[in-house]
Amino acid sequence: MEFWLGAAFVDAREYVPLAQAADRLGYAAVAVSDHIFYADYRSPYPYSDTGAPPYGPGTHWPDVWVTIGAMAAVTERVRFATNVYIAPARDLFTVAKAVSTAAVLSGDRAILGVGVGWCKDEFLQTGQDFHTRGRRLDEMIPALRTLWRGGTVEHHGAHYDFGPLSIAPVPGRPVPVYIGGDSDAALRRAARLGDGWIGNRVYTEDQLADVLARLARHLSDHGRALDDLEVIAPIGAPPSADLYRRWADRGVTGTMAAPWWPATPEEKARHGRGLALKLAAMERFAEEVIAKM
């Protein structure tokens, strides 16, 4: 079982020391989340009863690839993932060059976690069609893999048409592409195109069992099984080595942890609510869970 540090909603200046701690403490990856801007969105947030997002105008959403570059420069082992990058809100070559550069500079420690996104406002401002985002992502993923091969390449499809051309630098090995989301469309995309799947919410154990069963059915349609896919699933249960061993036996290869969220009042009183609390909580989680796996 891998443990990914879910580093959404943190101050941008905290990413570098959090990555250094993750590198030292045995976390497998640091996951960085993506939004382009905050506004009084016309699009309802799909994961709340009110339609309001759980963040405000002061929440930091640093550019994910700049952030990954900064973290990679001060670490040696830990990998970096986007959870998730709304690739179809950008043009193909912006995505290809940013990911490729991050992969090269990190020593091939970058994972591209992608999703179609829910926020139509962001697509409007970047000039990308919101309504074709799923179809474009389906075509973008193989087009990206073609570009990252290096050399002179071309692609001729319904949404992207280019070449012969080349980009440089390119990764030393293929960038893993993980698909985010638990809709049937997202699970089909993961089954068809993904190296992995990332859950987009914290799941109860019953919810996770249902999602994994649906994912397995879609995988079987493409001659694949859960063992053929990396499965990163946030689990909404008290963390323990026994919990994670049980889910590893059911096909979950990794989970997301933000150990400071369940910090006790005593820990908050001792460390405050900023970076010191986060580092202390990470240390505790590493001792109590990661070291016992």
C-alpha atoms as a PDB file:
ATOM      1  CA  MET A   1       0.000   0.000   0.000  1.00  0.00           C
ATOM      2  CA  GLU A   2       1.316   3.427  -0.982  1.00  0.00           C
ATOM      3  CA  PHE A   3       0.522   6.540   1.002  1.00  0.00           C
ATOM      4  CA  TRP A   4       0.055   9.740  -0.974  1.00  0.00           C
ATOM      5  CA  LEU A   5       0.092  13.055   0.833  1.00  0.00           C
ATOM      6  CA  GLY A   6      -3.082  14.905  -0.170  1.00  0.00           C
ATOM      7  CA  ALA A   7      -1.853  18.476  -0.075  1.00  0.00           C
ATOM      8  CA  ALA A   8      -4.911  20.429  -1.227  1.00  0.00           C
ATOM      9  CA  PHE A   9      -5.864  23.709   0.472  1.00  0.00           C
ATOM     10  CA  VAL A  10      -2.402  24.373   1.928  1.00  0.00           C
ATOM     11  CA  ASP A  11      -0.452  27.604   1.703  1.00  0.00           C
ATOM     12  CA  ALA A  12       1.731  27.563  -1.413  1.00  0.00           C
ATOM     13  CA  ARG A  13       4.817  28.268   0.708  1.00  0.00           C
ATOM     14  CA  GLU A  14       4.258  25.028   2.624  1.00  0.00           C
ATOM     15  CA  TYR A  15       4.628  22.667  -0.333  1.00  0.00           C
ATOM     16  CA  VAL A  16       8.431  22.544  -0.337  1.00  0.00           C
ATOM     17  CA  PRO A  17       8.834  21.676   3.384  1.00  0.00           C
ATOM     18  CA  LEU A  18       5.909  19.240   3.172  1.00  0.00           C
ATOM     19  CA  ALA A  19       7.562  17.503   0.214  1.00  0.00           C
ATOM     20  CA  GLN A  20      10.863  17.291   2.078  1.00  0.00           C
ATOM     21  CA  ALA A  21       9.081  15.712   5.055  1.00  0.00           C
ATOM     22  CA  ALA A  22       7.228  13.284   2.771  1.00  0.00           C
ATOM     23  CA  ASP A  23      10.522  12.302   1.150  1.00  0.00           C
ATOM     24  CA  ARG A  24      12.075  11.608   4.554  1.00  0.00           C
ATOM     25  CA  LEU A  25       9.107   9.866   6.180  1.00  0.00           C
ATOM     26  CA  GLY A  26       8.261   7.286   3.531  1.00  0.00           C
ATOM     27  CA  TYR A  27       5.231   8.785   1.786  1.00  0.00           C
ATOM     28  CA  ALA A  28       5.083   7.548  -1.798  1.00  0.00           C
ATOM     29  CA  ALA A  29       3.830  10.736  -3.477  1.00  0.00           C
ATOM     30  CA  VAL A  30       2.692  14.294  -2.908  1.00  0.00           C
ATOM     31  CA  ALA A  31      -0.579  15.119  -4.662  1.00  0.00           C
ATOM     32  CA  VAL A  32      -1.225  18.687  -5.827  1.00  0.00           C
ATOM     33  CA  SER A  33      -4.717  19.858  -6.782  1.00  0.00           C
ATOM     34  CA  ASP A  34      -5.701  22.188  -9.601  1.00  0.00           C
ATOM     35  CA  HIS A  35      -7.937  25.198 -10.069  1.00  0.00           C
ATOM     36  CA  ILE A  36      -7.236  28.170 -12.310  1.00  0.00           C
ATOM     37  CA  PHE A  37      -9.137  30.886 -10.435  1.00  0.00           C
ATOM     38  CA  TYR A  38     -11.874  31.530  -7.913  1.00  0.00           C
ATOM     39  CA  ALA A  39     -15.083  33.356  -8.813  1.00  0.00           C
ATOM     40  CA  ASP A  40     -18.773  33.437  -8.065  1.00  0.00           C
ATOM     41  CA  TYR A  41     -19.028  30.352 -10.257  1.00  0.00           C
ATOM     42  CA  ARG A  42     -22.065  29.806 -12.395  1.00  0.00           C
ATOM     43  CA  SER A  43     -21.256  26.082 -12.263  1.00  0.00           C
ATOM     44  CA  PRO A  44     -22.510  24.336  -9.115  1.00  0.00           C
ATOM     45  CA  TYR A  45     -19.908  22.380  -7.190  1.00  0.00           C
ATOM     46  CA  PRO A  46     -21.075  18.766  -7.618  1.00  0.00           C
ATOM     47  CA  TYR A  47     -19.873  17.384  -4.292  1.00  0.00           C
ATOM     48  CA  SER A  48     -21.805  19.564  -1.852  1.00  0.00           C
ATOM     49  CA  ASP A  49     -25.494  19.784  -1.044  1.00  0.00           C
ATOM     50  CA  THR A  50     -25.523  23.552  -1.576  1.00  0.00           C
ATOM     51  CA  GLY A  51     -23.508  23.665  -4.805  1.00  0.00           C
ATOM     52  CA  ALA A  52     -20.941  25.911  -3.118  1.00  0.00           C
ATOM     53  CA  PRO A  53     -17.285  24.825  -3.259  1.00  0.00           C
ATOM     54  CA  PRO A  54     -15.473  24.118   0.036  1.00  0.00           C
ATOM     55  CA  TYR A  55     -12.949  26.908  -0.536  1.00  0.00           C
ATOM     56  CA  GLY A  56     -12.902  30.649  -0.946  1.00  0.00           C
ATOM     57  CA  PRO A  57     -11.097  33.426  -2.797  1.00  0.00           C
ATOM     58  CA  GLY A  58      -8.103  33.239  -0.453  1.00  0.00           C
ATOM     59  CA  THR A  59      -7.481  29.514  -0.978  1.00  0.00           C
ATOM     60  CA  HIS A  60      -4.158  28.876  -2.696  1.00  0.00           C
ATOM     61  CA  TRP A  61      -4.213  26.984  -5.979  1.00  0.00           C
ATOM     62  CA  PRO A  62      -0.599  27.274  -7.161  1.00  0.00           C
ATOM     63  CA  ASP A  63       0.277  26.161 -10.645  1.00  0.00           C
ATOM     64  CA  VAL A  64       0.740  22.428 -10.232  1.00  0.00           C
ATOM     65  CA  TRP A  65       3.744  22.018 -12.532  1.00  0.00           C
ATOM     66  CA  VAL A  66       5.678  24.966 -11.116  1.00  0.00           C
ATOM     67  CA  THR A  67       4.991  23.548  -7.647  1.00  0.00           C
ATOM     68  CA  ILE A  68       6.123  20.070  -8.652  1.00  0.00           C
ATOM     69  CA  GLY A  69       9.319  21.523 -10.120  1.00  0.00           C
ATOM     70  CA  ALA A  70      10.073  23.319  -6.853  1.00  0.00           C
ATOM     71  CA  MET A  71       9.400  20.202  -4.757  1.00  0.00           C
ATOM     72  CA  ALA A  72      11.405  17.944  -7.053  1.00  0.00           C
ATOM     73  CA  ALA A  73      14.460  20.179  -6.707  1.00  0.00           C
ATOM     74  CA  VAL A  74      14.722  19.542  -2.949  1.00  0.00           C
ATOM     75  CA  THR A  75      13.781  15.834  -2.802  1.00  0.00           C
ATOM     76  CA  GLU A  76      15.232  12.579  -4.042  1.00  0.00           C
ATOM     77  CA  ARG A  77      12.701   9.786  -3.764  1.00  0.00           C
ATOM     78  CA  VAL A  78       9.083  10.910  -3.398  1.00  0.00           C
ATOM     79  CA  ARG A  79       6.940  11.177  -6.530  1.00  0.00           C
ATOM     80  CA  PHE A  80       4.525  13.941  -7.475  1.00  0.00           C
ATOM     81  CA  ALA A  81       0.996  13.623  -8.810  1.00  0.00           C
ATOM     82  CA  THR A  82      -1.778  15.953  -9.864  1.00  0.00           C
ATOM     83  CA  ASN A  83      -5.086  15.210  -8.149  1.00  0.00           C
ATOM     84  CA  VAL A  84      -6.373  16.070 -10.608  1.00  0.00           C
ATOM     85  CA  TYR A  85      -5.208  18.311 -13.437  1.00  0.00           C
ATOM     86  CA  ILE A  86      -8.030  19.557 -15.643  1.00  0.00           C
ATOM     87  CA  ALA A  87      -6.122  18.918 -18.834  1.00  0.00           C
ATOM     88  CA  PRO A  88      -8.973  19.635 -21.300  1.00  0.00           C
ATOM     89  CA  ALA A  89      -9.219  23.190 -19.921  1.00  0.00           C
ATOM     90  CA  ARG A  90      -5.836  23.748 -21.586  1.00  0.00           C
ATOM     91  CA  ASP A  91      -4.543  23.246 -25.087  1.00  0.00           C
ATOM     92  CA  LEU A  92      -2.731  20.018 -25.892  1.00  0.00           C
ATOM     93  CA  PHE A  93       0.765  21.464 -26.276  1.00  0.00           C
ATOM     94  CA  THR A  94       0.651  23.470 -23.042  1.00  0.00           C
ATOM     95  CA  VAL A  95      -0.151  20.224 -21.231  1.00  0.00           C
ATOM     96  CA  ALA A  96       2.429  18.178 -23.139  1.00  0.00           C
ATOM     97  CA  LYS A  97       5.309  20.592 -22.526  1.00  0.00           C
ATOM     98  CA  ALA A  98       4.505  21.283 -18.845  1.00  0.00           C
ATOM     99  CA  VAL A  99       4.204  17.600 -17.925  1.00  0.00           C
ATOM    100  CA  SER A 100       7.215  16.580 -19.989  1.00  0.00           C
ATOM    101  CA  THR A 101       9.416  19.259 -18.432  1.00  0.00           C
ATOM    102  CA  ALA A 102       8.317  18.342 -14.898  1.00  0.00           C
ATOM    103  CA  ALA A 103       9.009  14.669 -15.601  1.00  0.00           C
ATOM    104  CA  VAL A 104      12.520  15.402 -16.885  1.00  0.00           C
ATOM    105  CA  LEU A 105      13.467  17.802 -14.087  1.00  0.00           C
ATOM    106  CA  SER A 106      12.126  15.440 -11.400  1.00  0.00           C
ATOM    107  CA  GLY A 107      13.964  12.411 -12.744  1.00  0.00           C
ATOM    108  CA  ASP A 108      10.760  10.801 -14.015  1.00  0.00           C
ATOM    109  CA  ARG A 109       8.919  11.177 -10.694  1.00  0.00           C
ATOM    110  CA  ALA A 110       5.834  12.892 -12.155  1.00  0.00           C
ATOM    111  CA  ILE A 111       2.391  11.285 -12.425  1.00  0.00           C
ATOM    112  CA  LEU A 112      -0.309  12.957 -14.509  1.00  0.00           C
ATOM    113  CA  GLY A 113      -3.642  12.589 -12.746  1.00  0.00           C
ATOM    114  CA  VAL A 114      -6.336  13.975 -15.040  1.00  0.00           C
ATOM    115  CA  GLY A 115     -10.040  14.654 -14.970  1.00  0.00           C
ATOM    116  CA  VAL A 116     -12.628  16.409 -17.092  1.00  0.00           C
ATOM    117  CA  GLY A 117     -13.506  18.992 -14.438  1.00  0.00           C
ATOM    118  CA  TRP A 118     -16.816  20.417 -13.291  1.00  0.00           C
ATOM    119  CA  CYS A 119     -16.201  24.164 -13.531  1.00  0.00           C
ATOM    120  CA  LYS A 120     -17.494  25.482 -16.858  1.00  0.00           C
ATOM    121  CA  ASP A 121     -16.306  28.980 -15.893  1.00  0.00           C
ATOM    122  CA  GLU A 122     -12.658  27.889 -16.183  1.00  0.00           C
ATOM    123  CA  PHE A 123     -13.189  26.485 -19.660  1.00  0.00           C
ATOM    124  CA  LEU A 124     -14.874  29.686 -20.805  1.00  0.00           C
ATOM    125  CA  GLN A 125     -11.904  31.775 -19.662  1.00  0.00           C
ATOM    126  CA  THR A 126      -9.307  29.504 -21.291  1.00  0.00           C
ATOM    127  CA  GLY A 127     -11.206  29.251 -24.576  1.00  0.00           C
ATOM    128  CA  GLN A 128     -11.753  25.483 -24.403  1.00  0.00           C
ATOM    129  CA  ASP A 129     -15.093  23.812 -25.128  1.00  0.00           C
ATOM    130  CA  PHE A 130     -16.663  22.562 -21.907  1.00  0.00           C
ATOM    131  CA  HIS A 131     -19.160  20.289 -23.649  1.00  0.00           C
ATOM    132  CA  THR A 132     -16.545  18.259 -25.559  1.00  0.00           C
ATOM    133  CA  ARG A 133     -14.124  17.965 -22.636  1.00  0.00           C
ATOM    134  CA  GLY A 134     -14.609  14.214 -22.181  1.00  0.00           C
ATOM    135  CA  ARG A 135     -14.143  13.384 -25.840  1.00  0.00           C
ATOM    136  CA  ARG A 136     -11.141  15.690 -26.042  1.00  0.00           C
ATOM    137  CA  LEU A 137      -9.518  14.087 -22.995  1.00  0.00           C
ATOM    138  CA  ASP A 138     -10.059  10.655 -24.541  1.00  0.00           C
ATOM    139  CA  GLU A 139      -8.095  11.818 -27.568  1.00  0.00           C
ATOM    140  CA  MET A 140      -5.622  13.970 -25.642  1.00  0.00           C
ATOM    141  CA  ILE A 141      -4.200  11.095 -23.595  1.00  0.00           C
ATOM    142  CA  PRO A 142      -2.921   9.039 -26.571  1.00  0.00           C
ATOM    143  CA  ALA A 143      -1.798  12.251 -28.298  1.00  0.00           C
ATOM    144  CA  LEU A 144       0.269  13.171 -25.220  1.00  0.00           C
ATOM    145  CA  ARG A 145       1.827   9.733 -25.149  1.00  0.00           C
ATOM    146  CA  THR A 146       2.744  10.143 -28.809  1.00  0.00           C
ATOM    147  CA  LEU A 147       4.413  13.508 -28.164  1.00  0.00           C
ATOM    148  CA  TRP A 148       6.327  12.170 -25.147  1.00  0.00           C
ATOM    149  CA  ARG A 149       7.903   9.397 -27.235  1.00  0.00           C
ATOM    150  CA  GLY A 150      10.265  11.946 -28.690  1.00  0.00           C
ATOM    151  CA  GLY A 151      11.427  12.347 -32.253  1.00  0.00           C
ATOM    152  CA  THR A 152       9.213  13.492 -35.097  1.00  0.00           C
ATOM    153  CA  VAL A 153       5.615  12.439 -34.562  1.00  0.00           C
ATOM    154  CA  GLU A 154       2.151  13.250 -35.820  1.00  0.00           C
ATOM    155  CA  HIS A 155      -1.456  12.779 -34.793  1.00  0.00           C
ATOM    156  CA  HIS A 156      -4.594  13.242 -36.852  1.00  0.00           C
ATOM    157  CA  GLY A 157      -7.852  13.021 -34.929  1.00  0.00           C
ATOM    158  CA  ALA A 158     -11.221  14.640 -34.434  1.00  0.00           C
ATOM    159  CA  HIS A 159     -10.001  17.262 -31.953  1.00  0.00           C
ATOM    160  CA  TYR A 160      -6.209  17.361 -32.359  1.00  0.00           C
ATOM    161  CA  ASP A 161      -4.395  17.414 -35.669  1.00  0.00           C
ATOM    162  CA  PHE A 162      -0.659  18.026 -35.804  1.00  0.00           C
ATOM    163  CA  GLY A 163       2.674  17.043 -37.257  1.00  0.00           C
ATOM    164  CA  PRO A 164       5.096  16.042 -38.298  1.00  0.00           C
ATOM    165  CA  LEU A 165       6.763  17.819 -35.327  1.00  0.00           C
ATOM    166  CA  SER A 166       8.676  17.157 -32.144  1.00  0.00           C
ATOM    167  CA  ILE A 167       8.904  18.500 -28.601  1.00  0.00           C
ATOM    168  CA  ALA A 168      11.863  18.431 -26.254  1.00  0.00           C
ATOM    169  CA  PRO A 169      12.733  17.560 -23.574  1.00  0.00           C
ATOM    170  CA  VAL A 170      10.851  14.293 -23.320  1.00  0.00           C
ATOM    171  CA  PRO A 171      10.695  11.906 -20.348  1.00  0.00           C
ATOM    172  CA  GLY A 172      13.145   9.064 -19.979  1.00  0.00           C
ATOM    173  CA  ARG A 173      10.229   6.684 -19.450  1.00  0.00           C
ATOM    174  CA  PRO A 174       6.472   6.946 -19.999  1.00  0.00           C
ATOM    175  CA  VAL A 175       4.621   9.344 -17.701  1.00  0.00           C
ATOM    176  CA  PRO A 176       1.943   7.371 -15.828  1.00  0.00           C
ATOM    177  CA  VAL A 177      -1.555   8.697 -16.523  1.00  0.00           C
ATOM    178  CA  TYR A 178      -4.120   8.208 -13.763  1.00  0.00           C
ATOM    179  CA  ILE A 179      -7.787   8.998 -14.351  1.00  0.00           C
ATOM    180  CA  GLY A 180      -9.731  10.778 -11.625  1.00  0.00           C
ATOM    181  CA  GLY A 181     -13.443  10.539 -10.906  1.00  0.00           C
ATOM    182  CA  ASP A 182     -16.018   7.899 -10.048  1.00  0.00           C
ATOM    183  CA  SER A 183     -18.706   8.522 -12.663  1.00  0.00           C
ATOM    184  CA  ASP A 184     -19.226   5.686 -15.112  1.00  0.00           C
ATOM    185  CA  ALA A 185     -17.634   7.823 -17.821  1.00  0.00           C
ATOM    186  CA  ALA A 186     -14.520   8.330 -15.684  1.00  0.00           C
ATOM    187  CA  LEU A 187     -14.302   4.651 -14.761  1.00  0.00           C
ATOM    188  CA  ARG A 188     -14.668   3.642 -18.415  1.00  0.00           C
ATOM    189  CA  ARG A 189     -11.891   6.087 -19.286  1.00  0.00           C
ATOM    190  CA  ALA A 190      -9.653   4.626 -16.587  1.00  0.00           C
ATOM    191  CA  ALA A 191     -10.360   1.102 -17.807  1.00  0.00           C
ATOM    192  CA  ARG A 192      -9.639   1.997 -21.414  1.00  0.00           C
ATOM    193  CA  LEU A 193      -6.773   4.487 -21.154  1.00  0.00           C
ATOM    194  CA  GLY A 194      -5.435   4.685 -17.608  1.00  0.00           C
ATOM    195  CA  ASP A 195      -2.315   3.445 -15.923  1.00  0.00           C
ATOM    196  CA  GLY A 196      -4.171   4.144 -12.697  1.00  0.00           C
ATOM    197  CA  TRP A 197      -7.342   5.505 -11.118  1.00  0.00           C
ATOM    198  CA  ILE A 198      -7.680   8.159  -8.399  1.00  0.00           C
ATOM    199  CA  GLY A 199     -10.805   8.528  -6.291  1.00  0.00           C
ATOM    200  CA  ASN A 200     -12.199  12.042  -6.181  1.00  0.00           C
ATOM    201  CA  ARG A 201     -13.680  11.966  -2.680  1.00  0.00           C
ATOM    202  CA  VAL A 202     -13.228  10.277   0.688  1.00  0.00           C
ATOM    203  CA  TYR A 203     -15.136   6.992   0.479  1.00  0.00           C
ATOM    204  CA  THR A 204     -16.841   4.994   3.155  1.00  0.00           C
ATOM    205  CA  GLU A 205     -15.902   1.362   2.921  1.00  0.00           C
ATOM    206  CA  ASP A 206     -19.298   0.506   1.401  1.00  0.00           C
ATOM    207  CA  GLN A 207     -18.921   3.271  -1.189  1.00  0.00           C
ATOM    208  CA  LEU A 208     -15.427   2.126  -2.078  1.00  0.00           C
ATOM    209  CA  ALA A 209     -16.567  -1.464  -2.512  1.00  0.00           C
ATOM    210  CA  ASP A 210     -19.231  -0.280  -4.950  1.00  0.00           C
ATOM    211  CA  VAL A 211     -16.786   1.869  -6.952  1.00  0.00           C
ATOM    212  CA  LEU A 212     -14.244  -0.945  -7.193  1.00  0.00           C
ATOM    213  CA  ALA A 213     -16.929  -3.366  -8.394  1.00  0.00           C
ATOM    214  CA  ARG A 214     -17.975  -0.901 -11.113  1.00  0.00           C
ATOM    215  CA  LEU A 215     -14.351  -0.269 -12.085  1.00  0.00           C
ATOM    216  CA  ALA A 216     -13.699  -4.021 -12.302  1.00  0.00           C
ATOM    217  CA  ARG A 217     -16.681  -4.456 -14.642  1.00  0.00           C
ATOM    218  CA  HIS A 218     -15.413  -1.727 -16.960  1.00  0.00           C
ATOM    219  CA  LEU A 219     -11.910  -3.193 -16.885  1.00  0.00           C
ATOM    220  CA  SER A 220     -13.227  -6.609 -17.867  1.00  0.00           C
ATOM    221  CA  ASP A 221     -14.806  -5.030 -20.956  1.00  0.00           C
ATOM    222  CA  HIS A 222     -11.261  -4.221 -22.089  1.00  0.00           C
ATOM    223  CA  GLY A 223      -9.671  -7.505 -21.074  1.00  0.00           C
ATOM    224  CA  ARG A 224      -8.173  -6.032 -17.927  1.00  0.00           C
ATOM    225  CA  ALA A 225      -8.525  -6.601 -14.181  1.00  0.00           C
ATOM    226  CA  LEU A 226      -7.974  -4.515 -11.060  1.00  0.00           C
ATOM    227  CA  ASP A 227      -4.465  -5.965 -10.820  1.00  0.00           C
ATOM    228  CA  ASP A 228      -3.645  -4.224 -14.122  1.00  0.00           C
ATOM    229  CA  LEU A 229      -4.351  -0.758 -12.692  1.00  0.00           C
ATOM    230  CA  GLU A 230      -2.933   1.335  -9.872  1.00  0.00           C
ATOM    231  CA  VAL A 231      -5.873   2.218  -7.599  1.00  0.00           C
ATOM    232  CA  ILE A 232      -5.522   5.249  -5.307  1.00  0.00           C
ATOM    233  CA  ALA A 233      -8.534   5.458  -3.011  1.00  0.00           C
ATOM    234  CA  PRO A 234      -9.077   7.856  -0.092  1.00  0.00           C
ATOM    235  CA  ILE A 235     -10.769   5.828   2.667  1.00  0.00           C
ATOM    236  CA  GLY A 236     -13.007   7.466   5.259  1.00  0.00           C
ATOM    237  CA  ALA A 237     -12.230   5.247   8.242  1.00  0.00           C
ATOM    238  CA  PRO A 238      -9.880   5.567  11.225  1.00  0.00           C
ATOM    239  CA  PRO A 239      -6.393   4.951   9.811  1.00  0.00           C
ATOM    240  CA  SER A 240      -4.661   1.749  10.798  1.00  0.00           C
ATOM    241  CA  ALA A 241      -2.308  -0.749   9.249  1.00  0.00           C
ATOM    242  CA  ASP A 242      -5.064  -3.380   9.428  1.00  0.00           C
ATOM    243  CA  LEU A 243      -7.476  -1.155   7.462  1.00  0.00           C
ATOM    244  CA  TYR A 244      -4.995  -0.603   4.668  1.00  0.00           C
ATOM    245  CA  ARG A 245      -3.879  -4.222   4.522  1.00  0.00           C
ATOM    246  CA  ARG A 246      -7.519  -5.271   4.135  1.00  0.00           C
ATOM    247  CA  TRP A 247      -8.048  -2.929   1.203  1.00  0.00           C
ATOM    248  CA  ALA A 248      -4.715  -3.829  -0.364  1.00  0.00           C
ATOM    249  CA  ASP A 249      -6.008  -7.407  -0.515  1.00  0.00           C
ATOM    250  CA  ARG A 250      -9.032  -6.080  -2.441  1.00  0.00           C
ATOM    251  CA  GLY A 251      -6.989  -4.314  -5.125  1.00  0.00           C
ATOM    252  CA  VAL A 252      -6.297  -0.863  -3.640  1.00  0.00           C
ATOM    253  CA  THR A 253      -2.641  -0.040  -4.244  1.00  0.00           C
ATOM    254  CA  GLY A 254      -2.568   3.343  -2.520  1.00  0.00           C
ATOM    255  CA  THR A 255      -4.540   5.814  -0.466  1.00  0.00           C
ATOM    256  CA  MET A 256      -4.572   9.556   0.168  1.00  0.00           C
ATOM    257  CA  ALA A 257      -3.696  10.982   3.574  1.00  0.00           C
ATOM    258  CA  ALA A 258      -3.751  14.511   4.968  1.00  0.00           C
ATOM    259  CA  PRO A 259      -2.843  13.657   8.569  1.00  0.00           C
ATOM    260  CA  TRP A 260      -3.378  17.181   9.892  1.00  0.00           C
ATOM    261  CA  TRP A 261      -7.116  17.201   9.181  1.00  0.00           C
ATOM    262  CA  PRO A 262      -7.968  14.846  12.093  1.00  0.00           C
ATOM    263  CA  ALA A 263      -5.444  16.493  14.431  1.00  0.00           C
ATOM    264  CA  THR A 264      -6.513  16.486  18.056  1.00  0.00           C
ATOM    265  CA  PRO A 265      -7.217  19.674  20.042  1.00  0.00           C
ATOM    266  CA  GLU A 266      -4.083  18.931  22.049  1.00  0.00           C
ATOM    267  CA  GLU A 267      -1.970  18.795  18.886  1.00  0.00           C
ATOM    268  CA  LYS A 268      -3.471  22.062  17.666  1.00  0.00           C
ATOM    269  CA  ALA A 269      -2.771  23.701  21.009  1.00  0.00           C
ATOM    270  CA  ARG A 270       0.835  22.454  20.928  1.00  0.00           C
ATOM    271  CA  HIS A 271       1.658  23.208  17.290  1.00  0.00           C
ATOM    272  CA  GLY A 272      -0.846  25.827  16.128  1.00  0.00           C
ATOM    273  CA  ARG A 273      -2.664  25.376  12.834  1.00  0.00           C
ATOM    274  CA  GLY A 274       0.053  26.018  10.270  1.00  0.00           C
ATOM    275  CA  LEU A 275       3.093  24.195   8.964  1.00  0.00           C
ATOM    276  CA  ALA A 276       4.265  22.984  12.385  1.00  0.00           C
ATOM    277  CA  LEU A 277       0.994  21.100  12.906  1.00  0.00           C
ATOM    278  CA  LYS A 278       1.165  19.562   9.441  1.00  0.00           C
ATOM    279  CA  LEU A 279       4.716  18.320   9.950  1.00  0.00           C
ATOM    280  CA  ALA A 280       3.946  16.891  13.380  1.00  0.00           C
ATOM    281  CA  ALA A 281       0.844  15.103  12.067  1.00  0.00           C
ATOM    282  CA  MET A 282       2.801  13.680   9.141  1.00  0.00           C
ATOM    283  CA  GLU A 283       5.430  12.352  11.532  1.00  0.00           C
ATOM    284  CA  ARG A 284       2.794  10.724  13.749  1.00  0.00           C
ATOM    285  CA  PHE A 285       1.032   9.099  10.765  1.00  0.00           C
ATOM    286  CA  ALA A 286       4.352   7.773   9.477  1.00  0.00           C
ATOM    287  CA  GLU A 287       5.137   6.198  12.859  1.00  0.00           C
ATOM    288  CA  GLU A 288       1.676   4.801  13.539  1.00  0.00           C
ATOM    289  CA  VAL A 289       0.725   3.600  10.059  1.00  0.00           C
ATOM    290  CA  ILE A 290       3.381   3.724   7.329  1.00  0.00           C
ATOM    291  CA  ALA A 291       6.104   2.108   9.428  1.00  0.00           C
ATOM    292  CA  LYS A 292       3.777  -0.802  10.266  1.00  0.00           C
ATOM    293  CA  MET A 293       2.892  -1.693   6.692  1.00  0.00           C
END
